[in-house]
């Protein structure tokens, strides 16, 4: 654990740890909660690690790990319409390297880690609370998967902190999603500043500054639109429709005759 890497050894894992593993070419990382006994509870899109319901899935799925067609006796398959699953650590890592997500980091360390989805300013709750939330959601679900608003990192961060973004018209807790949006946003927002500086290095520094500011402001530890939600209340809200997450869909294509 440190500035350059959050890589850890398996022997150092403790129940309640938020862990993750990067997939092919570091396109995305899959997150979960280690609950002990070599088991990880994590959130999927109906058993698929990541997905958007759009043509982007071709790239994302190709970046994911190859899976054996023989079911693992330790892992539990996802239920119908229920994306929270329990896997053995071996299957969760799928040949990848083990990393531990850091909580309560300093602002300096947070900004030094340029790639989102590795740490947060927020403080973790006690390990027993984290494991309770993960196991409760394994039985009751975490709503509909949405790559930008309700993904595996959102699930793990909620289990660790109990914090939830209730305004579902905004971005979720995921640092990876913020990085995906923040990069292009930084480029767009810094474009008008070319009138102030035409130096390519100055423009690059401005874009980096905007990107870092957007990551910092969007972190779950800094946001003002989050509340502490007991896990039992969360599932009740999902069941009664008081809290909804809509899976992204492609717009309808015009008919050939139109």
Protein backbone atom coordinates (compact mmCIF):
# COMPACT_ATOMS: atom_id res chain seq x y z
CA UNK A 1 0.00 0.00 0.00
CA UNK A 2 1.32 3.46 -0.81
CA UNK A 3 1.61 6.23 -3.32
CA UNK A 4 2.39 4.13 -6.38
CA UNK A 5 0.36 0.97 -5.75
CA UNK A 6 -2.36 -0.48 -3.51
CA UNK A 7 -1.18 -4.01 -4.22
CA UNK A 8 -1.40 -6.38 -1.25
CA UNK A 9 -0.72 -10.02 -0.46
CA UNK A 10 -3.61 -12.41 0.11
CA UNK A 11 -2.36 -13.25 3.59
CA UNK A 12 -2.90 -9.62 4.66
CA UNK A 13 -6.62 -9.59 3.81
CA UNK A 14 -9.13 -9.05 6.62
CA UNK A 15 -12.93 -9.40 6.56
CA UNK A 16 -14.44 -6.09 5.54
CA UNK A 17 -11.63 -5.13 3.14
CA UNK A 18 -12.65 -3.45 -0.11
CA UNK A 19 -10.56 -5.14 -2.79
CA UNK A 20 -10.27 -4.82 -6.54
CA UNK A 21 -8.38 -6.20 -9.52
CA UNK A 22 -7.61 -4.51 -12.83
CA UNK A 23 -8.66 -6.27 -16.00
CA UNK A 24 -7.01 -6.40 -19.44
CA UNK A 25 -5.06 -3.25 -20.37
CA UNK A 26 -6.29 -1.54 -17.17
CA UNK A 27 -9.53 -0.58 -18.93
CA UNK A 28 -11.51 -1.14 -15.75
CA UNK A 29 -11.19 -2.69 -12.30
CA UNK A 30 -13.66 -5.05 -10.67
CA UNK A 31 -14.44 -4.31 -6.99
CA UNK A 32 -15.82 -6.36 -4.13
CA UNK A 33 -15.89 -6.88 -0.36
CA UNK A 34 -13.79 -9.61 1.20
CA UNK A 35 -15.96 -11.29 3.85
CA UNK A 36 -13.50 -13.93 5.09
CA UNK A 37 -13.13 -17.65 4.42
CA UNK A 38 -11.62 -16.86 1.00
CA UNK A 39 -14.94 -15.37 -0.23
CA UNK A 40 -15.74 -12.06 -1.93
CA UNK A 41 -19.19 -10.49 -2.29
CA UNK A 42 -19.47 -8.29 -5.37
CA UNK A 43 -22.02 -6.63 -7.65
CA UNK A 44 -22.44 -7.62 -11.31
CA UNK A 45 -24.73 -7.00 -14.25
CA UNK A 46 -26.65 -10.28 -14.04
CA UNK A 47 -23.40 -12.22 -13.56
CA UNK A 48 -21.40 -10.16 -16.08
CA UNK A 49 -18.70 -8.09 -14.37
CA UNK A 50 -19.43 -4.87 -16.22
CA UNK A 51 -21.84 -3.71 -18.88
CA UNK A 52 -23.82 -0.79 -20.25
CA UNK A 53 -26.52 -2.51 -22.26
CA UNK A 54 -25.03 -0.77 -25.32
CA UNK A 55 -22.46 -1.48 -28.02
CA UNK A 56 -19.74 -0.48 -25.53
CA UNK A 57 -20.13 -3.94 -24.04
CA UNK A 58 -18.16 -5.40 -26.96
CA UNK A 59 -15.06 -3.57 -25.69
CA UNK A 60 -15.76 -4.10 -22.00
CA UNK A 61 -16.52 -7.81 -22.22
CA UNK A 62 -13.45 -8.41 -24.40
CA UNK A 63 -11.37 -6.76 -21.65
CA UNK A 64 -12.80 -9.03 -18.98
CA UNK A 65 -11.23 -12.29 -17.85
CA UNK A 66 -11.95 -15.54 -19.64
CA UNK A 67 -14.11 -17.84 -17.52
CA UNK A 68 -14.18 -21.59 -17.29
CA UNK A 69 -17.37 -23.24 -18.52
CA UNK A 70 -17.21 -25.56 -15.50
CA UNK A 71 -19.02 -23.87 -12.56
CA UNK A 72 -16.93 -23.31 -9.43
CA UNK A 73 -18.32 -25.30 -6.50
CA UNK A 74 -17.53 -22.45 -4.08
CA UNK A 75 -19.11 -19.57 -6.00
CA UNK A 76 -22.84 -18.79 -5.97
CA UNK A 77 -24.45 -17.99 -9.34
CA UNK A 78 -26.48 -14.75 -9.59
CA UNK A 79 -30.19 -15.05 -9.05
CA UNK A 80 -32.64 -13.87 -11.70
CA UNK A 81 -32.63 -10.08 -11.65
CA UNK A 82 -30.17 -10.10 -8.74
CA UNK A 83 -26.60 -9.04 -9.49
CA UNK A 84 -24.95 -9.47 -6.07
CA UNK A 85 -22.89 -12.66 -6.00
CA UNK A 86 -20.44 -14.47 -3.75
CA UNK A 87 -17.24 -15.80 -5.33
CA UNK A 88 -14.10 -17.44 -4.09
CA UNK A 89 -11.10 -15.11 -4.12
CA UNK A 90 -9.50 -17.09 -6.94
CA UNK A 91 -12.49 -16.62 -9.26
CA UNK A 92 -12.87 -12.97 -8.30
CA UNK A 93 -9.27 -12.20 -9.21
CA UNK A 94 -9.47 -14.33 -12.39
CA UNK A 95 -5.70 -14.40 -12.67
CA UNK A 96 -5.35 -10.69 -11.90
CA UNK A 97 -3.40 -8.90 -9.16
CA UNK A 98 -5.00 -8.18 -5.78
CA UNK A 99 -5.33 -4.55 -4.66
CA UNK A 100 -6.91 -3.01 -1.56
CA UNK A 101 -8.97 0.18 -1.87
CA UNK A 102 -7.82 2.87 0.59
CA UNK A 103 -10.12 4.93 2.84
CA UNK A 104 -9.58 8.18 4.77
CA UNK A 105 -6.63 9.17 2.59
CA UNK A 106 -5.27 12.71 2.72
CA UNK A 107 -6.23 15.18 -0.04
CA UNK A 108 -2.60 15.17 -1.21
CA UNK A 109 -2.51 11.39 -1.60
CA UNK A 110 -5.96 11.37 -3.24
CA UNK A 111 -4.84 13.86 -5.91
CA UNK A 112 -1.50 12.08 -6.36
CA UNK A 113 -3.34 8.95 -7.46
CA UNK A 114 -4.43 10.28 -10.83
CA UNK A 115 -6.52 7.23 -11.75
CA UNK A 116 -9.90 7.12 -10.01
CA UNK A 117 -11.26 4.03 -8.31
CA UNK A 118 -8.33 3.34 -5.97
CA UNK A 119 -8.99 5.44 -2.85
CA UNK A 120 -11.36 7.91 -1.21
CA UNK A 121 -11.36 10.67 1.38
CA UNK A 122 -14.34 9.01 3.10
CA UNK A 123 -13.90 7.08 6.34
CA UNK A 124 -14.76 3.38 6.48
CA UNK A 125 -17.13 1.95 9.07
CA UNK A 126 -16.21 -0.95 11.34
CA UNK A 127 -15.42 -4.24 9.61
CA UNK A 128 -18.42 -5.99 11.21
CA UNK A 129 -20.78 -3.37 9.72
CA UNK A 130 -19.15 -3.71 6.30
CA UNK A 131 -19.50 -7.49 6.24
CA UNK A 132 -23.12 -7.26 7.49
CA UNK A 133 -24.06 -4.91 4.63
CA UNK A 134 -22.34 -7.10 2.02
CA UNK A 135 -24.03 -10.30 3.22
CA UNK A 136 -27.42 -8.59 3.58
CA UNK A 137 -27.22 -7.29 0.01
CA UNK A 138 -26.13 -10.75 -1.16
CA UNK A 139 -29.53 -11.98 0.02
CA UNK A 140 -31.59 -8.93 -0.97
CA UNK A 141 -29.88 -7.30 -3.95
CA UNK A 142 -28.49 -3.83 -4.72
CA UNK A 143 -30.93 -2.69 -7.39
CA UNK A 144 -30.30 -2.44 -11.11
CA UNK A 145 -26.72 -2.30 -12.38
CA UNK A 146 -25.74 0.97 -14.06
CA UNK A 147 -22.12 1.44 -15.12
CA UNK A 148 -22.17 5.18 -14.30
CA UNK A 149 -24.49 5.31 -11.28
CA UNK A 150 -24.65 1.90 -9.62
CA UNK A 151 -21.69 -0.34 -10.38
CA UNK A 152 -19.40 -2.72 -8.48
CA UNK A 153 -17.36 0.13 -6.98
CA UNK A 154 -20.54 1.92 -5.84
CA UNK A 155 -21.59 -1.33 -4.15
CA UNK A 156 -18.26 -1.75 -2.33
CA UNK A 157 -18.14 1.91 -1.23
CA UNK A 158 -21.69 1.67 0.13
CA UNK A 159 -20.80 -1.48 2.06
CA UNK A 160 -17.76 0.29 3.55
CA UNK A 161 -19.41 3.61 4.42
CA UNK A 162 -23.20 3.24 4.32
CA UNK A 163 -23.23 6.43 2.23
CA UNK A 164 -25.52 6.69 -0.76
CA UNK A 165 -26.14 9.33 -3.42
CA UNK A 166 -29.91 9.69 -3.31
CA UNK A 167 -30.21 11.97 -6.36
CA UNK A 168 -29.99 9.33 -9.09
CA UNK A 169 -29.89 12.00 -11.81
CA UNK A 170 -26.28 12.62 -10.79
CA UNK A 171 -23.12 10.50 -10.79
CA UNK A 172 -22.81 7.69 -8.28
CA UNK A 173 -19.97 7.14 -5.82
CA UNK A 174 -17.63 5.37 -8.28
CA UNK A 175 -14.22 6.96 -8.79
CA UNK A 176 -13.80 5.01 -12.03
CA UNK A 177 -16.96 6.54 -13.48
CA UNK A 178 -15.85 10.02 -12.39
CA UNK A 179 -12.50 9.46 -14.13
CA UNK A 180 -14.22 8.40 -17.35
CA UNK A 181 -16.39 11.51 -17.32
CA UNK A 182 -13.78 13.79 -15.76
CA UNK A 183 -11.11 13.32 -18.45
CA UNK A 184 -13.22 14.48 -21.41
CA UNK A 185 -14.87 17.10 -19.21
CA UNK A 186 -11.51 18.56 -18.29
CA UNK A 187 -10.57 18.81 -21.95
CA UNK A 188 -13.85 20.55 -22.78
CA UNK A 189 -13.73 22.98 -19.88
CA UNK A 190 -10.11 23.90 -20.47
CA UNK A 191 -10.65 24.59 -24.18
CA UNK A 192 -11.86 28.22 -23.67
CA UNK A 193 -8.69 28.89 -21.69
CA UNK A 194 -6.68 28.60 -24.90
CA UNK A 195 -7.48 32.32 -25.23
CA UNK A 196 -5.49 32.89 -22.01
CA UNK A 197 -2.57 30.66 -22.87
CA UNK A 198 -1.58 29.24 -26.24
CA UNK A 199 1.31 27.29 -24.74
CA UNK A 200 0.62 23.56 -25.07
CA UNK A 201 2.13 22.89 -21.64
CA UNK A 202 -0.04 25.56 -20.07
CA UNK A 203 -3.16 24.08 -21.65
CA UNK A 204 -2.18 20.59 -20.49
CA UNK A 205 -1.60 21.84 -16.94
CA UNK A 206 -5.00 23.57 -17.01
CA UNK A 207 -6.75 20.40 -18.19
CA UNK A 208 -5.05 18.36 -15.45
CA UNK A 209 -6.09 20.94 -12.87
CA UNK A 210 -9.73 20.82 -13.98
CA UNK A 211 -9.66 17.00 -13.98
CA UNK A 212 -8.22 16.83 -10.45
CA UNK A 213 -10.73 19.39 -9.18
CA UNK A 214 -13.64 17.42 -10.65
CA UNK A 215 -12.38 14.17 -9.05
CA UNK A 216 -11.90 15.84 -5.67
CA UNK A 217 -15.35 17.48 -5.68
CA UNK A 218 -17.06 14.24 -6.80
CA UNK A 219 -15.45 12.02 -4.17
CA UNK A 220 -17.94 10.43 -1.77
CA UNK A 221 -16.02 11.95 1.15
CA UNK A 222 -16.55 15.50 -0.15
CA UNK A 223 -20.04 15.41 -1.65
CA UNK A 224 -22.98 17.11 0.05
CA UNK A 225 -25.68 15.06 -1.72
CA UNK A 226 -25.02 11.82 0.19
CA UNK A 227 -26.74 10.42 3.29
CA UNK A 228 -26.14 7.50 5.61
CA UNK A 229 -28.70 4.83 4.75
CA UNK A 230 -29.10 1.64 6.84
CA UNK A 231 -28.89 -1.41 4.60
CA UNK A 232 -32.34 -2.62 5.68
CA UNK A 233 -33.79 0.76 4.70
CA UNK A 234 -31.96 0.66 1.38
CA UNK A 235 -33.51 -2.63 0.32
CA UNK A 236 -36.94 -1.40 1.48
CA UNK A 237 -36.57 1.69 -0.71
CA UNK A 238 -35.58 -0.47 -3.67
CA UNK A 239 -38.51 -2.83 -3.15
CA UNK A 240 -41.07 -0.03 -2.86
CA UNK A 241 -39.67 2.03 -5.72
CA UNK A 242 -38.61 4.95 -3.50
CA UNK A 243 -35.10 4.51 -4.88
CA UNK A 244 -34.68 3.57 -8.53
CA UNK A 245 -31.69 3.08 -10.81
CA UNK A 246 -32.44 2.71 -14.50
CA UNK A 247 -30.19 0.58 -16.67
CA UNK A 248 -28.81 2.59 -19.62
CA UNK A 249 -30.31 1.74 -23.00
CA UNK A 250 -29.62 2.67 -26.58
CA UNK A 251 -32.05 5.08 -28.29
CA UNK A 252 -34.48 3.44 -30.66
CA UNK A 253 -33.32 3.29 -34.27
CA UNK A 254 -35.57 4.90 -36.91
CA UNK A 255 -37.51 2.45 -39.06
CA UNK A 256 -36.37 2.03 -42.69
CA UNK A 257 -39.67 3.49 -43.91
CA UNK A 258 -39.47 6.68 -41.84
